[in-house]
Amino acid sequence: MNFTINCDSQNGHYLFQINGEIDAYTAPRLKERLTSALSDAATKSVTLDFENVTYMDSTGIGVLIGALKMAAKSGCQLKITKVMPRIERILKITGLDKLLPISRERGEST
């Protein structure tokens, strides 16, 4: 599957729709896009739509941790929505579910 990132932005709120596998080859592209959004002083929130994320390795976890740090420094909210059970399990095993709001639906967060 090809890896794509689609981004919509309105009034400082970003929605990233991520499709495919987040691994050592694709994570740098995600990191670049997130860094750009989180570096913008006008950014209020960043939502990562993981509905079509089929796999994530430790490189992807590293990108999420880096994004969390950037969001905390800038006072921006970062969350993940539409998480598939296998990806949610990875987030729970790593403890990221305690630091990052995640949900299976777009409007719900845990």
PDB file of N, CA and C in Angstrom:
ATOM      1  N   MET A   1       0.847  -1.189   0.000  1.00  0.00           N
ATOM      2  CA  MET A   1       0.000   0.000   0.000  1.00  0.00           C
ATOM      3  C   MET A   1       0.885   1.243   0.000  1.00  0.00           C
ATOM      4  N   ASN A   2       0.516   2.228  -0.776  1.00  0.00           N
ATOM      5  CA  ASN A   2       1.229   3.491  -0.794  1.00  0.00           C
ATOM      6  C   ASN A   2       0.977   4.251   0.494  1.00  0.00           C
ATOM      7  N   PHE A   3       1.950   5.055   0.890  1.00  0.00           N
ATOM      8  CA  PHE A   3       1.819   5.890   2.075  1.00  0.00           C
ATOM      9  C   PHE A   3       1.462   7.294   1.631  1.00  0.00           C
ATOM     10  N   THR A   4       0.365   7.821   2.157  1.00  0.00           N
ATOM     11  CA  THR A   4      -0.037   9.186   1.831  1.00  0.00           C
ATOM     12  C   THR A   4      -0.448   9.916   3.099  1.00  0.00           C
ATOM     13  N   ILE A   5      -0.269  11.227   3.064  1.00  0.00           N
ATOM     14  CA  ILE A   5      -0.712  12.099   4.149  1.00  0.00           C
ATOM     15  C   ILE A   5      -1.506  13.225   3.506  1.00  0.00           C
ATOM     16  N   ASN A   6      -2.773  13.326   3.870  1.00  0.00           N
ATOM     17  CA  ASN A   6      -3.609  14.432   3.420  1.00  0.00           C
ATOM     18  C   ASN A   6      -3.849  15.335   4.616  1.00  0.00           C
ATOM     19  N   CYS A   7      -3.755  16.629   4.397  1.00  0.00           N
ATOM     20  CA  CYS A   7      -3.896  17.563   5.510  1.00  0.00           C
ATOM     21  C   CYS A   7      -4.910  18.647   5.167  1.00  0.00           C
ATOM     22  N   ASP A   8      -5.835  18.862   6.086  1.00  0.00           N
ATOM     23  CA  ASP A   8      -6.774  19.980   5.999  1.00  0.00           C
ATOM     24  C   ASP A   8      -6.515  20.869   7.202  1.00  0.00           C
ATOM     25  N   SER A   9      -6.620  22.172   6.990  1.00  0.00           N
ATOM     26  CA  SER A   9      -6.374  23.119   8.070  1.00  0.00           C
ATOM     27  C   SER A   9      -7.412  24.229   8.023  1.00  0.00           C
ATOM     28  N   GLN A  10      -7.982  24.525   9.193  1.00  0.00           N
ATOM     29  CA  GLN A  10      -8.927  25.634   9.307  1.00  0.00           C
ATOM     30  C   GLN A  10      -8.744  26.296  10.655  1.00  0.00           C
ATOM     31  N   ASN A  11      -8.516  27.587  10.647  1.00  0.00           N
ATOM     32  CA  ASN A  11      -8.443  28.382  11.873  1.00  0.00           C
ATOM     33  C   ASN A  11      -7.517  27.780  12.926  1.00  0.00           C
ATOM     34  N   GLY A  12      -6.378  27.286  12.520  1.00  0.00           N
ATOM     35  CA  GLY A  12      -5.407  26.749  13.462  1.00  0.00           C
ATOM     36  C   GLY A  12      -5.635  25.310  13.878  1.00  0.00           C
ATOM     37  N   HIS A  13      -6.624  24.662  13.279  1.00  0.00           N
ATOM     38  CA  HIS A  13      -6.915  23.261  13.588  1.00  0.00           C
ATOM     39  C   HIS A  13      -6.536  22.410  12.375  1.00  0.00           C
ATOM     40  N   TYR A  14      -5.619  21.477  12.585  1.00  0.00           N
ATOM     41  CA  TYR A  14      -5.134  20.611  11.511  1.00  0.00           C
ATOM     42  C   TYR A  14      -5.729  19.213  11.644  1.00  0.00           C
ATOM     43  N   LEU A  15      -6.092  18.637  10.508  1.00  0.00           N
ATOM     44  CA  LEU A  15      -6.528  17.243  10.450  1.00  0.00           C
ATOM     45  C   LEU A  15      -5.652  16.533   9.426  1.00  0.00           C
ATOM     46  N   PHE A  16      -4.866  15.569   9.901  1.00  0.00           N
ATOM     47  CA  PHE A  16      -4.019  14.762   9.033  1.00  0.00           C
ATOM     48  C   PHE A  16      -4.679  13.409   8.834  1.00  0.00           C
ATOM     49  N   GLN A  17      -4.959  13.066   7.591  1.00  0.00           N
ATOM     50  CA  GLN A  17      -5.473  11.736   7.255  1.00  0.00           C
ATOM     51  C   GLN A  17      -4.286  10.939   6.724  1.00  0.00           C
ATOM     52  N   ILE A  18      -3.928   9.907   7.474  1.00  0.00           N
ATOM     53  CA  ILE A  18      -2.732   9.132   7.167  1.00  0.00           C
ATOM     54  C   ILE A  18      -3.163   7.775   6.632  1.00  0.00           C
ATOM     55  N   ASN A  19      -2.565   7.380   5.522  1.00  0.00           N
ATOM     56  CA  ASN A  19      -2.925   6.122   4.864  1.00  0.00           C
ATOM     57  C   ASN A  19      -1.684   5.275   4.642  1.00  0.00           C
ATOM     58  N   GLY A  20      -1.733   4.020   5.101  1.00  0.00           N
ATOM     59  CA  GLY A  20      -0.641   3.093   4.853  1.00  0.00           C
ATOM     60  C   GLY A  20       0.131   2.746   6.106  1.00  0.00           C
ATOM     61  N   GLU A  21       1.381   2.341   5.915  1.00  0.00           N
ATOM     62  CA  GLU A  21       2.241   1.895   7.004  1.00  0.00           C
ATOM     63  C   GLU A  21       3.160   3.021   7.456  1.00  0.00           C
ATOM     64  N   ILE A  22       3.272   3.177   8.782  1.00  0.00           N
ATOM     65  CA  ILE A  22       4.219   4.138   9.342  1.00  0.00           C
ATOM     66  C   ILE A  22       5.415   3.326   9.821  1.00  0.00           C
ATOM     67  N   ASP A  23       6.513   3.448   9.070  1.00  0.00           N
ATOM     68  CA  ASP A  23       7.714   2.672   9.386  1.00  0.00           C
ATOM     69  C   ASP A  23       8.952   3.524   9.131  1.00  0.00           C
ATOM     70  N   ALA A  24      10.115   2.905   9.147  1.00  0.00           N
ATOM     71  CA  ALA A  24      11.373   3.637   8.989  1.00  0.00           C
ATOM     72  C   ALA A  24      11.452   4.398   7.669  1.00  0.00           C
ATOM     73  N   TYR A  25      10.750   3.935   6.663  1.00  0.00           N
ATOM     74  CA  TYR A  25      10.785   4.590   5.356  1.00  0.00           C
ATOM     75  C   TYR A  25       9.795   5.739   5.243  1.00  0.00           C
ATOM     76  N   THR A  26       8.668   5.642   5.920  1.00  0.00           N
ATOM     77  CA  THR A  26       7.615   6.650   5.778  1.00  0.00           C
ATOM     78  C   THR A  26       7.547   7.634   6.944  1.00  0.00           C
ATOM     79  N   ALA A  27       8.050   7.251   8.106  1.00  0.00           N
ATOM     80  CA  ALA A  27       7.968   8.109   9.293  1.00  0.00           C
ATOM     81  C   ALA A  27       8.620   9.482   9.095  1.00  0.00           C
ATOM     82  N   PRO A  28       9.749   9.593   8.381  1.00  0.00           N
ATOM     83  CA  PRO A  28      10.327  10.924   8.186  1.00  0.00           C
ATOM     84  C   PRO A  28       9.375  11.896   7.474  1.00  0.00           C
ATOM     85  N   ARG A  29       8.568  11.403   6.546  1.00  0.00           N
ATOM     86  CA  ARG A  29       7.592  12.270   5.874  1.00  0.00           C
ATOM     87  C   ARG A  29       6.535  12.756   6.858  1.00  0.00           C
ATOM     88  N   LEU A  30       6.065  11.852   7.724  1.00  0.00           N
ATOM     89  CA  LEU A  30       5.082  12.240   8.732  1.00  0.00           C
ATOM     90  C   LEU A  30       5.693  13.242   9.705  1.00  0.00           C
ATOM     91  N   LYS A  31       6.922  12.976  10.129  1.00  0.00           N
ATOM     92  CA  LYS A  31       7.602  13.882  11.061  1.00  0.00           C
ATOM     93  C   LYS A  31       7.726  15.282  10.469  1.00  0.00           C
ATOM     94  N   GLU A  32       8.097  15.360   9.207  1.00  0.00           N
ATOM     95  CA  GLU A  32       8.248  16.654   8.534  1.00  0.00           C
ATOM     96  C   GLU A  32       6.931  17.426   8.515  1.00  0.00           C
ATOM     97  N   ARG A  33       5.849  16.752   8.175  1.00  0.00           N
ATOM     98  CA  ARG A  33       4.533  17.409   8.112  1.00  0.00           C
ATOM     99  C   ARG A  33       4.064  17.855   9.496  1.00  0.00           C
ATOM    100  N   LEU A  34       4.254  16.996  10.499  1.00  0.00           N
ATOM    101  CA  LEU A  34       3.843  17.349  11.861  1.00  0.00           C
ATOM    102  C   LEU A  34       4.683  18.495  12.412  1.00  0.00           C
ATOM    103  N   THR A  35       5.979  18.452  12.164  1.00  0.00           N
ATOM    104  CA  THR A  35       6.860  19.523  12.630  1.00  0.00           C
ATOM    105  C   THR A  35       6.439  20.853  12.039  1.00  0.00           C
ATOM    106  N   SER A  36       6.105  20.853  10.772  1.00  0.00           N
ATOM    107  CA  SER A  36       5.652  22.074  10.116  1.00  0.00           C
ATOM    108  C   SER A  36       4.385  22.620  10.771  1.00  0.00           C
ATOM    109  N   ALA A  37       3.407  21.766  11.007  1.00  0.00           N
ATOM    110  CA  ALA A  37       2.143  22.204  11.621  1.00  0.00           C
ATOM    111  C   ALA A  37       2.358  22.661  13.057  1.00  0.00           C
ATOM    112  N   LEU A  38       3.143  21.909  13.818  1.00  0.00           N
ATOM    113  CA  LEU A  38       3.332  22.229  15.234  1.00  0.00           C
ATOM    114  C   LEU A  38       4.262  23.417  15.450  1.00  0.00           C
ATOM    115  N   SER A  39       5.037  23.789  14.436  1.00  0.00           N
ATOM    116  CA  SER A  39       5.914  24.956  14.524  1.00  0.00           C
ATOM    117  C   SER A  39       5.170  26.248  14.240  1.00  0.00           C
ATOM    118  N   ASP A  40       3.994  26.147  13.676  1.00  0.00           N
ATOM    119  CA  ASP A  40       3.175  27.315  13.353  1.00  0.00           C
ATOM    120  C   ASP A  40       2.547  27.844  14.642  1.00  0.00           C
ATOM    121  N   ALA A  41       2.851  29.082  14.995  1.00  0.00           N
ATOM    122  CA  ALA A  41       2.346  29.670  16.242  1.00  0.00           C
ATOM    123  C   ALA A  41       0.823  29.729  16.287  1.00  0.00           C
ATOM    124  N   ALA A  42       0.169  29.722  15.134  1.00  0.00           N
ATOM    125  CA  ALA A  42      -1.296  29.806  15.090  1.00  0.00           C
ATOM    126  C   ALA A  42      -1.974  28.451  15.304  1.00  0.00           C
ATOM    127  N   THR A  43      -1.208  27.371  15.363  1.00  0.00           N
ATOM    128  CA  THR A  43      -1.792  26.035  15.506  1.00  0.00           C
ATOM    129  C   THR A  43      -2.363  25.843  16.902  1.00  0.00           C
ATOM    130  N   LYS A  44      -3.644  25.445  16.952  1.00  0.00           N
ATOM    131  CA  LYS A  44      -4.330  25.185  18.220  1.00  0.00           C
ATOM    132  C   LYS A  44      -4.456  23.691  18.485  1.00  0.00           C
ATOM    133  N   SER A  45      -4.689  22.913  17.422  1.00  0.00           N
ATOM    134  CA  SER A  45      -4.835  21.469  17.596  1.00  0.00           C
ATOM    135  C   SER A  45      -4.394  20.734  16.337  1.00  0.00           C
ATOM    136  N   VAL A  46      -3.929  19.509  16.565  1.00  0.00           N
ATOM    137  CA  VAL A  46      -3.556  18.616  15.470  1.00  0.00           C
ATOM    138  C   VAL A  46      -4.221  17.271  15.753  1.00  0.00           C
ATOM    139  N   THR A  47      -5.039  16.832  14.811  1.00  0.00           N
ATOM    140  CA  THR A  47      -5.707  15.540  14.919  1.00  0.00           C
ATOM    141  C   THR A  47      -5.143  14.621  13.849  1.00  0.00           C
ATOM    142  N   LEU A  48      -4.738  13.436  14.271  1.00  0.00           N
ATOM    143  CA  LEU A  48      -4.221  12.432  13.347  1.00  0.00           C
ATOM    144  C   LEU A  48      -5.298  11.380  13.138  1.00  0.00           C
ATOM    145  N   ASP A  49      -5.810  11.295  11.927  1.00  0.00           N
ATOM    146  CA  ASP A  49      -6.824  10.299  11.571  1.00  0.00           C
ATOM    147  C   ASP A  49      -6.091   9.030  11.149  1.00  0.00           C
ATOM    148  N   PHE A  50      -6.171   8.000  12.003  1.00  0.00           N
ATOM    149  CA  PHE A  50      -5.452   6.747  11.780  1.00  0.00           C
ATOM    150  C   PHE A  50      -6.341   5.664  11.181  1.00  0.00           C
ATOM    151  N   GLU A  51      -7.482   6.035  10.614  1.00  0.00           N
ATOM    152  CA  GLU A  51      -8.418   5.033  10.094  1.00  0.00           C
ATOM    153  C   GLU A  51      -7.758   4.078   9.105  1.00  0.00           C
ATOM    154  N   ASN A  52      -6.852   4.592   8.295  1.00  0.00           N
ATOM    155  CA  ASN A  52      -6.226   3.767   7.261  1.00  0.00           C
ATOM    156  C   ASN A  52      -4.756   3.464   7.536  1.00  0.00           C
ATOM    157  N   VAL A  53      -4.343   3.600   8.801  1.00  0.00           N
ATOM    158  CA  VAL A  53      -2.985   3.203   9.176  1.00  0.00           C
ATOM    159  C   VAL A  53      -3.014   1.703   9.443  1.00  0.00           C
ATOM    160  N   THR A  54      -2.281   0.969   8.649  1.00  0.00           N
ATOM    161  CA  THR A  54      -2.330  -0.492   8.724  1.00  0.00           C
ATOM    162  C   THR A  54      -1.210  -1.097   9.558  1.00  0.00           C
ATOM    163  N   TYR A  55      -0.162  -0.306   9.840  1.00  0.00           N
ATOM    164  CA  TYR A  55       0.994  -0.821  10.568  1.00  0.00           C
ATOM    165  C   TYR A  55       1.773   0.361  11.112  1.00  0.00           C
ATOM    166  N   MET A  56       2.381   0.190  12.284  1.00  0.00           N
ATOM    167  CA  MET A  56       3.255   1.221  12.831  1.00  0.00           C
ATOM    168  C   MET A  56       4.360   0.546  13.632  1.00  0.00           C
ATOM    169  N   ASP A  57       5.616   0.901  13.327  1.00  0.00           N
ATOM    170  CA  ASP A  57       6.735   0.329  14.069  1.00  0.00           C
ATOM    171  C   ASP A  57       7.291   1.358  15.055  1.00  0.00           C
ATOM    172  N   SER A  58       8.433   1.045  15.643  1.00  0.00           N
ATOM    173  CA  SER A  58       9.011   1.918  16.665  1.00  0.00           C
ATOM    174  C   SER A  58       9.389   3.294  16.119  1.00  0.00           C
ATOM    175  N   THR A  59       9.669   3.382  14.837  1.00  0.00           N
ATOM    176  CA  THR A  59       9.972   4.678  14.238  1.00  0.00           C
ATOM    177  C   THR A  59       8.745   5.583  14.303  1.00  0.00           C
ATOM    178  N   GLY A  60       7.584   5.019  14.029  1.00  0.00           N
ATOM    179  CA  GLY A  60       6.341   5.779  14.133  1.00  0.00           C
ATOM    180  C   GLY A  60       6.062   6.216  15.557  1.00  0.00           C
ATOM    181  N   ILE A  61       6.344   5.334  16.523  1.00  0.00           N
ATOM    182  CA  ILE A  61       6.190   5.682  17.938  1.00  0.00           C
ATOM    183  C   ILE A  61       7.090   6.871  18.266  1.00  0.00           C
ATOM    184  N   GLY A  62       8.312   6.838  17.759  1.00  0.00           N
ATOM    185  CA  GLY A  62       9.248   7.946  17.980  1.00  0.00           C
ATOM    186  C   GLY A  62       8.736   9.258  17.425  1.00  0.00           C
ATOM    187  N   VAL A  63       8.129   9.215  16.256  1.00  0.00           N
ATOM    188  CA  VAL A  63       7.557  10.427  15.663  1.00  0.00           C
ATOM    189  C   VAL A  63       6.437  10.967  16.548  1.00  0.00           C
ATOM    190  N   LEU A  64       5.591  10.079  17.059  1.00  0.00           N
ATOM    191  CA  LEU A  64       4.497  10.516  17.936  1.00  0.00           C
ATOM    192  C   LEU A  64       5.031  11.132  19.224  1.00  0.00           C
ATOM    193  N   ILE A  65       6.068  10.547  19.802  1.00  0.00           N
ATOM    194  CA  ILE A  65       6.658  11.100  21.024  1.00  0.00           C
ATOM    195  C   ILE A  65       7.242  12.487  20.753  1.00  0.00           C
ATOM    196  N   GLY A  66       7.942  12.632  19.643  1.00  0.00           N
ATOM    197  CA  GLY A  66       8.482  13.940  19.273  1.00  0.00           C
ATOM    198  C   GLY A  66       7.385  14.968  19.061  1.00  0.00           C
ATOM    199  N   ALA A  67       6.301  14.555  18.418  1.00  0.00           N
ATOM    200  CA  ALA A  67       5.173  15.462  18.188  1.00  0.00           C
ATOM    201  C   ALA A  67       4.515  15.851  19.509  1.00  0.00           C
ATOM    202  N   LEU A  68       4.410  14.907  20.429  1.00  0.00           N
ATOM    203  CA  LEU A  68       3.858  15.209  21.758  1.00  0.00           C
ATOM    204  C   LEU A  68       4.686  16.268  22.465  1.00  0.00           C
ATOM    205  N   LYS A  69       6.001  16.145  22.401  1.00  0.00           N
ATOM    206  CA  LYS A  69       6.890  17.124  23.031  1.00  0.00           C
ATOM    207  C   LYS A  69       6.716  18.500  22.407  1.00  0.00           C
ATOM    208  N   MET A  70       6.655  18.550  21.089  1.00  0.00           N
ATOM    209  CA  MET A  70       6.466  19.831  20.403  1.00  0.00           C
ATOM    210  C   MET A  70       5.119  20.448  20.756  1.00  0.00           C
ATOM    211  N   ALA A  71       4.078  19.627  20.793  1.00  0.00           N
ATOM    212  CA  ALA A  71       2.740  20.122  21.123  1.00  0.00           C
ATOM    213  C   ALA A  71       2.706  20.675  22.545  1.00  0.00           C
ATOM    214  N   ALA A  72       3.357  19.983  23.466  1.00  0.00           N
ATOM    215  CA  ALA A  72       3.385  20.444  24.860  1.00  0.00           C
ATOM    216  C   ALA A  72       4.092  21.793  24.977  1.00  0.00           C
ATOM    217  N   LYS A  73       5.192  21.961  24.254  1.00  0.00           N
ATOM    218  CA  LYS A  73       5.933  23.225  24.293  1.00  0.00           C
ATOM    219  C   LYS A  73       5.116  24.380  23.734  1.00  0.00           C
ATOM    220  N   SER A  74       4.320  24.105  22.713  1.00  0.00           N
ATOM    221  CA  SER A  74       3.568  25.173  22.050  1.00  0.00           C
ATOM    222  C   SER A  74       2.160  25.347  22.607  1.00  0.00           C
ATOM    223  N   GLY A  75       1.757  24.488  23.537  1.00  0.00           N
ATOM    224  CA  GLY A  75       0.410  24.593  24.107  1.00  0.00           C
ATOM    225  C   GLY A  75      -0.675  24.119  23.156  1.00  0.00           C
ATOM    226  N   CYS A  76      -0.301  23.281  22.229  1.00  0.00           N
ATOM    227  CA  CYS A  76      -1.222  22.765  21.211  1.00  0.00           C
ATOM    228  C   CYS A  76      -1.737  21.391  21.629  1.00  0.00           C
ATOM    229  N   GLN A  77      -2.971  21.073  21.265  1.00  0.00           N
ATOM    230  CA  GLN A  77      -3.532  19.755  21.555  1.00  0.00           C
ATOM    231  C   GLN A  77      -3.222  18.807  20.399  1.00  0.00           C
ATOM    232  N   LEU A  78      -2.740  17.613  20.732  1.00  0.00           N
ATOM    233  CA  LEU A  78      -2.469  16.570  19.748  1.00  0.00           C
ATOM    234  C   LEU A  78      -3.295  15.356  20.122  1.00  0.00           C
ATOM    235  N   LYS A  79      -4.015  14.789  19.152  1.00  0.00           N
ATOM    236  CA  LYS A  79      -4.806  13.587  19.431  1.00  0.00           C
ATOM    237  C   LYS A  79      -4.860  12.696  18.198  1.00  0.00           C
ATOM    238  N   ILE A  80      -5.189  11.430  18.443  1.00  0.00           N
ATOM    239  CA  ILE A  80      -5.326  10.448  17.369  1.00  0.00           C
ATOM    240  C   ILE A  80      -6.753   9.925  17.385  1.00  0.00           C
ATOM    241  N   THR A  81      -7.364   9.868  16.209  1.00  0.00           N
ATOM    242  CA  THR A  81      -8.731   9.359  16.111  1.00  0.00           C
ATOM    243  C   THR A  81      -8.806   8.218  15.106  1.00  0.00           C
ATOM    244  N   LYS A  82      -9.931   7.512  15.160  1.00  0.00           N
ATOM    245  CA  LYS A  82     -10.215   6.395  14.255  1.00  0.00           C
ATOM    246  C   LYS A  82      -9.110   5.339  14.284  1.00  0.00           C
ATOM    247  N   VAL A  83      -8.673   5.024  15.493  1.00  0.00           N
ATOM    248  CA  VAL A  83      -7.582   4.070  15.679  1.00  0.00           C
ATOM    249  C   VAL A  83      -8.107   2.642  15.557  1.00  0.00           C
ATOM    250  N   MET A  84      -7.464   1.853  14.713  1.00  0.00           N
ATOM    251  CA  MET A  84      -7.828   0.441  14.589  1.00  0.00           C
ATOM    252  C   MET A  84      -7.303  -0.309  15.811  1.00  0.00           C
ATOM    253  N   PRO A  85      -7.973  -1.386  16.207  1.00  0.00           N
ATOM    254  CA  PRO A  85      -7.581  -2.117  17.420  1.00  0.00           C
ATOM    255  C   PRO A  85      -6.109  -2.522  17.472  1.00  0.00           C
ATOM    256  N   ARG A  86      -5.523  -2.959  16.369  1.00  0.00           N
ATOM    257  CA  ARG A  86      -4.118  -3.396  16.419  1.00  0.00           C
ATOM    258  C   ARG A  86      -3.171  -2.219  16.669  1.00  0.00           C
ATOM    259  N   ILE A  87      -3.511  -1.035  16.154  1.00  0.00           N
ATOM    260  CA  ILE A  87      -2.685   0.150  16.411  1.00  0.00           C
ATOM    261  C   ILE A  87      -2.931   0.644  17.836  1.00  0.00           C
ATOM    262  N   GLU A  88      -4.175   0.584  18.283  1.00  0.00           N
ATOM    263  CA  GLU A  88      -4.501   0.975  19.655  1.00  0.00           C
ATOM    264  C   GLU A  88      -3.712   0.109  20.647  1.00  0.00           C
ATOM    265  N   ARG A  89      -3.568  -1.153  20.341  1.00  0.00           N
ATOM    266  CA  ARG A  89      -2.809  -2.067  21.205  1.00  0.00           C
ATOM    267  C   ARG A  89      -1.352  -1.620  21.315  1.00  0.00           C
ATOM    268  N   ILE A  90      -0.754  -1.213  20.211  1.00  0.00           N
ATOM    269  CA  ILE A  90       0.628  -0.717  20.222  1.00  0.00           C
ATOM    270  C   ILE A  90       0.727   0.523  21.104  1.00  0.00           C
ATOM    271  N   LEU A  91      -0.249   1.425  20.974  1.00  0.00           N
ATOM    272  CA  LEU A  91      -0.239   2.648  21.779  1.00  0.00           C
ATOM    273  C   LEU A  91      -0.374   2.324  23.268  1.00  0.00           C
ATOM    274  N   LYS A  92      -1.167   1.317  23.590  1.00  0.00           N
ATOM    275  CA  LYS A  92      -1.327   0.912  24.996  1.00  0.00           C
ATOM    276  C   LYS A  92      -0.072   0.225  25.529  1.00  0.00           C
ATOM    277  N   ILE A  93       0.523  -0.645  24.745  1.00  0.00           N
ATOM    278  CA  ILE A  93       1.737  -1.353  25.174  1.00  0.00           C
ATOM    279  C   ILE A  93       2.864  -0.363  25.469  1.00  0.00           C
ATOM    280  N   THR A  94       2.975   0.675  24.653  1.00  0.00           N
ATOM    281  CA  THR A  94       4.039   1.664  24.822  1.00  0.00           C
ATOM    282  C   THR A  94       3.697   2.726  25.859  1.00  0.00           C
ATOM    283  N   GLY A  95       2.454   2.755  26.317  1.00  0.00           N
ATOM    284  CA  GLY A  95       2.037   3.751  27.302  1.00  0.00           C
ATOM    285  C   GLY A  95       1.626   5.078  26.701  1.00  0.00           C
ATOM    286  N   LEU A  96       1.647   5.180  25.384  1.00  0.00           N
ATOM    287  CA  LEU A  96       1.260   6.442  24.751  1.00  0.00           C
ATOM    288  C   LEU A  96      -0.212   6.777  24.962  1.00  0.00           C
ATOM    289  N   ASP A  97      -1.024   5.773  25.213  1.00  0.00           N
ATOM    290  CA  ASP A  97      -2.445   6.036  25.454  1.00  0.00           C
ATOM    291  C   ASP A  97      -2.655   6.849  26.731  1.00  0.00           C
ATOM    292  N   LYS A  98      -1.661   6.870  27.618  1.00  0.00           N
ATOM    293  CA  LYS A  98      -1.745   7.661  28.850  1.00  0.00           C
ATOM    294  C   LYS A  98      -1.366   9.121  28.609  1.00  0.00           C
ATOM    295  N   LEU A  99      -0.624   9.377  27.537  1.00  0.00           N
ATOM    296  CA  LEU A  99      -0.119  10.713  27.248  1.00  0.00           C
ATOM    297  C   LEU A  99      -0.846  11.408  26.109  1.00  0.00           C
ATOM    298  N   LEU A 100      -1.487  10.625  25.271  1.00  0.00           N
ATOM    299  CA  LEU A 100      -2.063  11.122  24.032  1.00  0.00           C
ATOM    300  C   LEU A 100      -3.508  10.676  23.926  1.00  0.00           C
ATOM    301  N   PRO A 101      -4.449  11.619  23.808  1.00  0.00           N
ATOM    302  CA  PRO A 101      -5.845  11.204  23.645  1.00  0.00           C
ATOM    303  C   PRO A 101      -6.010  10.381  22.366  1.00  0.00           C
ATOM    304  N   ILE A 102      -6.590   9.199  22.505  1.00  0.00           N
ATOM    305  CA  ILE A 102      -6.855   8.354  21.342  1.00  0.00           C
ATOM    306  C   ILE A 102      -8.304   7.912  21.369  1.00  0.00           C
ATOM    307  N   SER A 103      -8.859   7.673  20.199  1.00  0.00           N
ATOM    308  CA  SER A 103     -10.240   7.199  20.122  1.00  0.00           C
ATOM    309  C   SER A 103     -10.427   6.390  18.852  1.00  0.00           C
ATOM    310  N   ARG A 104     -11.480   5.617  18.855  1.00  0.00           N
ATOM    311  CA  ARG A 104     -11.829   4.860  17.650  1.00  0.00           C
ATOM    312  C   ARG A 104     -12.722   5.674  16.734  1.00  0.00           C
ATOM    313  N   GLU A 105     -13.301   6.723  17.256  1.00  0.00           N
ATOM    314  CA  GLU A 105     -14.179   7.600  16.470  1.00  0.00           C
ATOM    315  C   GLU A 105     -13.581   8.996  16.434  1.00  0.00           C
ATOM    316  N   ARG A 106     -13.934   9.764  15.429  1.00  0.00           N
ATOM    317  CA  ARG A 106     -13.370  11.098  15.270  1.00  0.00           C
ATOM    318  C   ARG A 106     -13.727  12.023  16.430  1.00  0.00           C
ATOM    319  N   GLY A 107     -14.962  12.002  16.913  1.00  0.00           N
ATOM    320  CA  GLY A 107     -15.384  12.948  17.934  1.00  0.00           C
ATOM    321  C   GLY A 107     -15.163  12.507  19.361  1.00  0.00           C
ATOM    322  N   GLU A 108     -14.721  11.292  19.570  1.00  0.00           N
ATOM    323  CA  GLU A 108     -14.599  10.736  20.924  1.00  0.00           C
ATOM    324  C   GLU A 108     -13.124  10.651  21.298  1.00  0.00           C
ATOM    325  N   SER A 109     -12.786  10.961  22.540  1.00  0.00           N
ATOM    326  CA  SER A 109     -11.402  10.768  22.972  1.00  0.00           C
ATOM    327  C   SER A 109     -11.387  10.131  24.343  1.00  0.00           C
ATOM    328  N   THR A 110     -10.316   9.390  24.595  1.00  0.00           N
ATOM    329  CA  THR A 110     -10.209   8.686  25.873  1.00  0.00           C
ATOM    330  C   THR A 110      -9.188   9.350  26.758  1.00  0.00           C
TER     331      THR A 110
END
